[in-house]
N, C-alpha and C. Protein backbone atom coordinates (compact mmCIF):
# COMPACT_ATOMS: atom_id res chain seq x y z
N MET A 1 3.75 16.96 -53.95
CA MET A 1 4.87 16.05 -53.76
C MET A 1 6.12 16.88 -53.46
N PRO A 2 6.85 16.54 -52.39
CA PRO A 2 8.09 17.25 -52.08
C PRO A 2 9.09 17.16 -53.24
N ALA A 3 9.94 18.17 -53.35
CA ALA A 3 10.88 18.25 -54.46
C ALA A 3 11.79 17.02 -54.55
N ALA A 4 12.32 16.55 -53.42
CA ALA A 4 13.21 15.38 -53.45
C ALA A 4 12.47 14.15 -53.96
N ALA A 5 11.24 13.96 -53.51
CA ALA A 5 10.44 12.82 -53.96
C ALA A 5 10.17 12.91 -55.46
N LYS A 6 9.93 14.12 -55.97
CA LYS A 6 9.68 14.30 -57.40
C LYS A 6 10.94 13.99 -58.21
N ILE A 7 12.08 14.44 -57.74
CA ILE A 7 13.35 14.14 -58.43
C ILE A 7 13.54 12.63 -58.53
N ILE A 8 13.34 11.96 -57.41
CA ILE A 8 13.52 10.51 -57.38
C ILE A 8 12.50 9.81 -58.27
N ALA A 9 11.23 10.20 -58.18
CA ALA A 9 10.17 9.57 -58.98
C ALA A 9 10.41 9.76 -60.47
N ASP A 10 10.78 10.97 -60.87
CA ASP A 10 11.05 11.24 -62.29
C ASP A 10 12.23 10.41 -62.79
N TYR A 11 13.27 10.31 -61.98
CA TYR A 11 14.44 9.54 -62.36
C TYR A 11 14.09 8.04 -62.46
N GLN A 12 13.36 7.55 -61.48
CA GLN A 12 12.98 6.13 -61.48
C GLN A 12 12.08 5.79 -62.67
N LYS A 13 11.22 6.70 -63.04
CA LYS A 13 10.33 6.47 -64.18
C LYS A 13 11.15 6.27 -65.46
N LYS A 14 12.20 7.05 -65.58
CA LYS A 14 13.03 6.99 -66.79
C LYS A 14 14.09 5.88 -66.74
N HIS A 15 14.69 5.65 -65.56
CA HIS A 15 15.84 4.75 -65.46
C HIS A 15 15.59 3.49 -64.64
N ARG A 16 14.48 3.41 -63.96
CA ARG A 16 14.11 2.26 -63.13
C ARG A 16 15.10 1.97 -61.99
N CYS A 17 15.72 3.02 -61.47
CA CYS A 17 16.61 2.90 -60.32
C CYS A 17 16.69 4.27 -59.64
N TYR A 18 17.37 4.33 -58.52
CA TYR A 18 17.58 5.60 -57.84
C TYR A 18 18.74 6.34 -58.50
N PRO A 19 18.70 7.67 -58.49
CA PRO A 19 19.87 8.40 -58.99
C PRO A 19 21.03 8.20 -58.01
N SER A 20 22.24 8.05 -58.52
CA SER A 20 23.38 7.89 -57.62
C SER A 20 23.92 9.25 -57.19
N LYS A 21 23.67 10.28 -58.00
CA LYS A 21 24.14 11.63 -57.69
C LYS A 21 23.16 12.63 -58.29
N VAL A 22 22.90 13.69 -57.55
CA VAL A 22 22.04 14.78 -58.01
C VAL A 22 22.82 16.08 -57.83
N ALA A 23 22.78 16.94 -58.82
CA ALA A 23 23.45 18.24 -58.73
C ALA A 23 22.41 19.33 -58.46
N VAL A 24 22.76 20.23 -57.56
CA VAL A 24 21.87 21.34 -57.21
C VAL A 24 22.70 22.61 -57.19
N VAL A 25 22.16 23.66 -57.79
CA VAL A 25 22.82 24.96 -57.79
C VAL A 25 22.12 25.85 -56.77
N PHE A 26 22.90 26.49 -55.92
CA PHE A 26 22.38 27.45 -54.96
C PHE A 26 22.54 28.85 -55.52
N TRP A 27 21.42 29.49 -55.78
CA TRP A 27 21.40 30.89 -56.21
C TRP A 27 20.79 31.70 -55.08
N THR A 28 21.36 32.84 -54.81
CA THR A 28 20.88 33.69 -53.71
C THR A 28 19.43 34.09 -53.91
N THR A 29 19.07 34.57 -55.08
CA THR A 29 17.71 35.03 -55.33
C THR A 29 16.70 33.90 -55.14
N GLU A 30 17.03 32.72 -55.64
CA GLU A 30 16.12 31.58 -55.48
C GLU A 30 15.95 31.20 -54.02
N THR A 31 17.04 31.25 -53.26
CA THR A 31 16.96 30.93 -51.84
C THR A 31 16.06 31.92 -51.12
N LEU A 32 16.20 33.19 -51.44
CA LEU A 32 15.35 34.21 -50.82
C LEU A 32 13.89 34.05 -51.24
N ARG A 33 13.67 33.77 -52.50
CA ARG A 33 12.31 33.66 -53.02
C ARG A 33 11.61 32.40 -52.52
N HIS A 34 12.33 31.28 -52.47
CA HIS A 34 11.70 30.00 -52.13
C HIS A 34 11.98 29.55 -50.71
N GLU A 35 12.65 30.40 -49.95
CA GLU A 35 12.87 30.18 -48.52
C GLU A 35 13.55 28.84 -48.20
N GLY A 36 14.56 28.49 -49.02
CA GLY A 36 15.39 27.34 -48.69
C GLY A 36 14.92 25.99 -49.21
N ILE A 37 14.08 25.98 -50.23
CA ILE A 37 13.58 24.69 -50.74
C ILE A 37 14.71 23.82 -51.28
N ASN A 38 15.72 24.43 -51.91
CA ASN A 38 16.86 23.64 -52.41
C ASN A 38 17.64 23.00 -51.27
N GLU A 39 17.84 23.74 -50.21
CA GLU A 39 18.54 23.19 -49.06
C GLU A 39 17.75 22.02 -48.46
N CYS A 40 16.45 22.18 -48.35
CA CYS A 40 15.60 21.10 -47.82
C CYS A 40 15.62 19.88 -48.75
N THR A 41 15.63 20.13 -50.04
CA THR A 41 15.67 19.04 -51.01
C THR A 41 16.95 18.23 -50.85
N ILE A 42 18.06 18.93 -50.71
CA ILE A 42 19.35 18.25 -50.53
C ILE A 42 19.33 17.39 -49.27
N LEU A 43 18.86 17.95 -48.19
CA LEU A 43 18.80 17.19 -46.93
C LEU A 43 17.97 15.93 -47.12
N ASN A 44 16.81 16.08 -47.75
CA ASN A 44 15.92 14.95 -47.96
C ASN A 44 16.56 13.88 -48.83
N LEU A 45 17.24 14.27 -49.88
CA LEU A 45 17.91 13.30 -50.75
C LEU A 45 18.98 12.52 -49.98
N MET A 46 19.67 13.21 -49.07
CA MET A 46 20.72 12.55 -48.30
C MET A 46 20.17 11.78 -47.11
N GLY A 47 18.89 11.91 -46.84
CA GLY A 47 18.31 11.22 -45.69
C GLY A 47 18.68 11.87 -44.37
N ILE A 48 18.74 13.18 -44.39
CA ILE A 48 19.10 13.97 -43.21
C ILE A 48 17.99 15.00 -42.99
N ARG A 49 17.78 15.35 -41.72
CA ARG A 49 16.78 16.39 -41.42
C ARG A 49 17.35 17.32 -40.36
N PRO A 50 16.79 18.53 -40.29
CA PRO A 50 17.26 19.45 -39.25
C PRO A 50 16.77 19.02 -37.87
N LYS A 51 17.55 19.37 -36.86
CA LYS A 51 17.10 19.23 -35.47
C LYS A 51 16.62 20.61 -35.04
N TRP A 52 15.49 20.64 -34.35
CA TRP A 52 14.88 21.91 -33.96
C TRP A 52 14.88 22.07 -32.45
N SER A 53 15.08 23.30 -32.00
CA SER A 53 14.96 23.59 -30.58
C SER A 53 13.48 23.78 -30.24
N LYS A 54 13.17 23.87 -28.98
CA LYS A 54 11.78 24.10 -28.56
C LYS A 54 11.26 25.45 -29.02
N THR A 55 12.17 26.36 -29.31
CA THR A 55 11.76 27.70 -29.76
C THR A 55 11.66 27.81 -31.28
N GLY A 56 11.88 26.69 -31.99
CA GLY A 56 11.74 26.68 -33.44
C GLY A 56 12.99 27.05 -34.21
N ARG A 57 14.14 27.02 -33.56
CA ARG A 57 15.40 27.31 -34.25
C ARG A 57 16.10 26.01 -34.62
N VAL A 58 16.76 26.02 -35.75
CA VAL A 58 17.53 24.84 -36.18
C VAL A 58 18.82 24.81 -35.35
N THR A 59 19.06 23.65 -34.73
CA THR A 59 20.23 23.52 -33.86
C THR A 59 21.26 22.52 -34.40
N GLY A 60 20.95 21.87 -35.50
CA GLY A 60 21.88 20.88 -36.07
C GLY A 60 21.16 19.97 -37.03
N VAL A 61 21.75 18.81 -37.26
CA VAL A 61 21.17 17.84 -38.19
C VAL A 61 21.14 16.47 -37.55
N GLU A 62 20.25 15.62 -38.05
CA GLU A 62 20.17 14.23 -37.61
C GLU A 62 19.78 13.36 -38.80
N ALA A 63 20.19 12.11 -38.73
CA ALA A 63 19.86 11.16 -39.80
C ALA A 63 18.39 10.76 -39.69
N ILE A 64 17.73 10.69 -40.82
CA ILE A 64 16.36 10.18 -40.84
C ILE A 64 16.43 8.67 -40.63
N PRO A 65 15.67 8.13 -39.68
CA PRO A 65 15.71 6.68 -39.46
C PRO A 65 15.30 5.90 -40.71
N VAL A 66 15.92 4.75 -40.91
CA VAL A 66 15.67 3.92 -42.10
C VAL A 66 14.18 3.61 -42.26
N ARG A 67 13.49 3.33 -41.16
CA ARG A 67 12.07 2.98 -41.26
C ARG A 67 11.24 4.12 -41.86
N LEU A 68 11.75 5.34 -41.79
CA LEU A 68 11.06 6.48 -42.40
C LEU A 68 11.66 6.85 -43.76
N LEU A 69 12.92 6.57 -43.95
CA LEU A 69 13.64 7.00 -45.16
C LEU A 69 13.20 6.23 -46.40
N LYS A 70 13.33 4.93 -46.38
CA LYS A 70 12.89 4.05 -47.47
C LYS A 70 13.49 4.41 -48.83
N GLN A 71 14.73 4.86 -48.82
CA GLN A 71 15.47 5.14 -50.05
C GLN A 71 16.95 5.13 -49.69
N PRO A 72 17.83 4.98 -50.66
CA PRO A 72 19.26 5.09 -50.35
C PRO A 72 19.60 6.55 -49.99
N ARG A 73 20.71 6.73 -49.36
CA ARG A 73 21.21 8.09 -49.10
C ARG A 73 21.90 8.54 -50.40
N ILE A 74 21.28 9.48 -51.07
CA ILE A 74 21.70 9.89 -52.42
C ILE A 74 22.76 10.98 -52.34
N ASP A 75 23.81 10.81 -53.13
CA ASP A 75 24.91 11.76 -53.20
C ASP A 75 24.41 13.04 -53.89
N VAL A 76 24.82 14.17 -53.36
CA VAL A 76 24.40 15.46 -53.91
C VAL A 76 25.63 16.32 -54.15
N MET A 77 25.73 16.88 -55.34
CA MET A 77 26.79 17.83 -55.63
C MET A 77 26.19 19.22 -55.57
N VAL A 78 26.77 20.07 -54.74
CA VAL A 78 26.27 21.43 -54.56
C VAL A 78 27.20 22.40 -55.28
N ASN A 79 26.61 23.29 -56.06
CA ASN A 79 27.34 24.36 -56.70
C ASN A 79 26.72 25.66 -56.21
N ALA A 80 27.43 26.37 -55.35
CA ALA A 80 26.92 27.62 -54.79
C ALA A 80 27.47 28.81 -55.57
N SER A 81 26.60 29.74 -55.90
CA SER A 81 27.07 30.96 -56.56
C SER A 81 27.94 31.75 -55.58
N GLY A 82 28.74 32.64 -56.11
CA GLY A 82 29.62 33.44 -55.25
C GLY A 82 28.84 34.30 -54.27
N LEU A 83 27.75 34.88 -54.72
CA LEU A 83 26.93 35.71 -53.84
C LEU A 83 26.29 34.87 -52.74
N TYR A 84 25.85 33.65 -53.10
CA TYR A 84 25.29 32.75 -52.10
C TYR A 84 26.35 32.45 -51.04
N ARG A 85 27.54 32.12 -51.50
CA ARG A 85 28.64 31.81 -50.58
C ARG A 85 28.91 32.98 -49.64
N ASP A 86 28.86 34.21 -50.19
CA ASP A 86 29.16 35.39 -49.38
C ASP A 86 28.03 35.74 -48.41
N LEU A 87 26.78 35.55 -48.83
CA LEU A 87 25.64 35.93 -47.99
C LEU A 87 25.18 34.84 -47.04
N PHE A 88 25.41 33.58 -47.40
CA PHE A 88 24.90 32.47 -46.59
C PHE A 88 25.97 31.46 -46.20
N PRO A 89 27.09 31.91 -45.65
CA PRO A 89 28.12 30.94 -45.25
C PRO A 89 27.59 29.96 -44.19
N ASP A 90 26.67 30.43 -43.37
CA ASP A 90 26.08 29.55 -42.35
C ASP A 90 25.28 28.41 -42.97
N LYS A 91 24.64 28.67 -44.09
CA LYS A 91 23.88 27.61 -44.78
C LYS A 91 24.84 26.57 -45.36
N LEU A 92 25.95 27.03 -45.92
CA LEU A 92 26.93 26.09 -46.47
C LEU A 92 27.56 25.25 -45.36
N GLU A 93 27.80 25.84 -44.20
CA GLU A 93 28.33 25.07 -43.07
C GLU A 93 27.29 24.05 -42.61
N PHE A 94 26.03 24.43 -42.62
CA PHE A 94 24.95 23.52 -42.24
C PHE A 94 24.89 22.34 -43.21
N ILE A 95 24.98 22.62 -44.51
CA ILE A 95 24.97 21.56 -45.52
C ILE A 95 26.21 20.69 -45.35
N ASP A 96 27.35 21.29 -45.05
CA ASP A 96 28.57 20.51 -44.82
C ASP A 96 28.39 19.57 -43.63
N ASP A 97 27.79 20.05 -42.55
CA ASP A 97 27.50 19.18 -41.40
C ASP A 97 26.60 18.02 -41.81
N ALA A 98 25.60 18.32 -42.64
CA ALA A 98 24.67 17.28 -43.09
C ALA A 98 25.38 16.24 -43.94
N VAL A 99 26.25 16.68 -44.84
CA VAL A 99 26.99 15.74 -45.70
C VAL A 99 27.89 14.84 -44.85
N ARG A 100 28.58 15.44 -43.89
CA ARG A 100 29.47 14.65 -43.03
C ARG A 100 28.70 13.61 -42.24
N LEU A 101 27.52 13.98 -41.74
CA LEU A 101 26.69 13.03 -41.00
C LEU A 101 26.20 11.93 -41.93
N ALA A 102 25.72 12.31 -43.10
CA ALA A 102 25.21 11.32 -44.06
C ALA A 102 26.30 10.36 -44.49
N LEU A 103 27.49 10.86 -44.67
CA LEU A 103 28.63 10.04 -45.09
C LEU A 103 28.92 8.92 -44.10
N ARG A 104 28.70 9.17 -42.83
CA ARG A 104 29.01 8.19 -41.78
C ARG A 104 27.92 7.14 -41.57
N GLN A 105 26.78 7.28 -42.20
CA GLN A 105 25.67 6.36 -41.96
C GLN A 105 25.89 5.05 -42.71
N ALA A 106 25.61 3.95 -42.02
CA ALA A 106 25.78 2.62 -42.62
C ALA A 106 24.51 1.79 -42.48
N ASP A 107 23.39 2.44 -42.28
CA ASP A 107 22.14 1.74 -42.02
C ASP A 107 21.36 1.34 -43.27
N ILE A 108 21.72 1.91 -44.39
CA ILE A 108 21.04 1.67 -45.66
C ILE A 108 22.05 1.97 -46.76
N GLU A 109 21.75 1.61 -47.99
CA GLU A 109 22.69 1.90 -49.08
C GLU A 109 23.06 3.38 -49.05
N ASN A 110 24.36 3.65 -49.04
CA ASN A 110 24.85 5.01 -48.90
C ASN A 110 25.63 5.40 -50.15
N LEU A 111 24.95 6.05 -51.07
CA LEU A 111 25.57 6.46 -52.33
C LEU A 111 26.54 7.62 -52.12
N ILE A 112 26.38 8.34 -51.03
CA ILE A 112 27.31 9.42 -50.69
C ILE A 112 28.67 8.82 -50.36
N ALA A 113 28.67 7.83 -49.48
CA ALA A 113 29.93 7.18 -49.11
C ALA A 113 30.56 6.50 -50.32
N ARG A 114 29.75 5.80 -51.10
CA ARG A 114 30.28 5.11 -52.28
C ARG A 114 30.96 6.09 -53.23
N GLY A 115 30.31 7.21 -53.52
CA GLY A 115 30.90 8.21 -54.42
C GLY A 115 32.14 8.85 -53.85
N THR A 116 32.13 9.10 -52.55
CA THR A 116 33.28 9.73 -51.89
C THR A 116 34.49 8.81 -51.93
N TRP A 117 34.28 7.55 -51.58
CA TRP A 117 35.42 6.61 -51.57
C TRP A 117 35.92 6.34 -52.99
N ARG A 118 35.01 6.31 -53.97
CA ARG A 118 35.43 6.14 -55.37
C ARG A 118 36.32 7.31 -55.79
N LEU A 119 35.90 8.52 -55.45
CA LEU A 119 36.70 9.70 -55.79
C LEU A 119 38.04 9.68 -55.06
N LYS A 120 38.03 9.29 -53.81
CA LYS A 120 39.27 9.20 -53.04
C LYS A 120 40.25 8.25 -53.71
N ARG A 121 39.77 7.06 -54.08
CA ARG A 121 40.64 6.07 -54.74
C ARG A 121 41.21 6.63 -56.05
N LYS A 122 40.37 7.31 -56.81
CA LYS A 122 40.80 7.89 -58.08
C LYS A 122 41.88 8.94 -57.86
N LEU A 123 41.67 9.82 -56.89
CA LEU A 123 42.64 10.87 -56.62
C LEU A 123 43.96 10.30 -56.11
N LEU A 124 43.88 9.31 -55.23
CA LEU A 124 45.10 8.69 -54.72
C LEU A 124 45.85 7.95 -55.82
N ALA A 125 45.12 7.29 -56.71
CA ALA A 125 45.75 6.59 -57.84
C ALA A 125 46.44 7.56 -58.78
N ALA A 126 45.94 8.79 -58.85
CA ALA A 126 46.54 9.81 -59.71
C ALA A 126 47.70 10.53 -59.02
N GLY A 127 47.99 10.13 -57.77
CA GLY A 127 49.10 10.74 -57.07
C GLY A 127 48.72 11.92 -56.19
N THR A 128 47.46 12.21 -56.09
CA THR A 128 47.01 13.31 -55.24
C THR A 128 46.94 12.83 -53.80
N THR A 129 47.49 13.61 -52.89
CA THR A 129 47.42 13.23 -51.48
C THR A 129 46.50 14.14 -50.69
N TYR A 130 46.07 15.22 -51.27
CA TYR A 130 45.20 16.15 -50.58
C TYR A 130 44.25 16.76 -51.60
N ALA A 131 43.01 16.84 -51.29
CA ALA A 131 42.03 17.44 -52.19
C ALA A 131 41.16 18.40 -51.40
N VAL A 132 41.06 19.64 -51.87
CA VAL A 132 40.20 20.62 -51.22
C VAL A 132 38.78 20.07 -51.24
N GLY A 133 38.09 20.19 -50.14
CA GLY A 133 36.72 19.70 -50.05
C GLY A 133 36.64 18.28 -49.53
N LEU A 134 37.72 17.54 -49.64
CA LEU A 134 37.72 16.17 -49.15
C LEU A 134 38.72 16.01 -48.01
N LYS A 135 39.25 17.10 -47.52
CA LYS A 135 40.29 17.01 -46.49
C LYS A 135 39.80 16.32 -45.23
N TYR A 136 38.51 16.39 -44.94
CA TYR A 136 37.99 15.77 -43.73
C TYR A 136 37.67 14.30 -43.93
N VAL A 137 37.66 13.86 -45.16
CA VAL A 137 37.33 12.48 -45.48
C VAL A 137 38.59 11.62 -45.44
N PHE A 138 39.71 12.16 -45.88
CA PHE A 138 40.95 11.36 -46.00
C PHE A 138 41.61 11.13 -44.68
């Protein structure tokens, strides 16, 4: 069973619903050892997949069609270690592209958008007009 499916199944068994947010930590050693399974898990939870070139290189991201997804787009909080950030900035940019794409999808329940707009309202109500990490959303 893929990691994202296991996370969802375990959560549903205990809570009888989908998780609204999942937290994932990116560690450099784990990424090297498991060849990006955490990154793939995040994409799957958000209902996003990589786009591949004919030569087998990742060229971007695309939304998984609803007929294949069959789950809400689940919000994911990423915590990257400092070494991960320094060694894999391209992976973080790739994940950022995936989050932005997932945020714009309106084809199925989008827990990413719901969480983002809830946070935006909270920050604005507190008098914040700019938030690092959300600058592209506002």
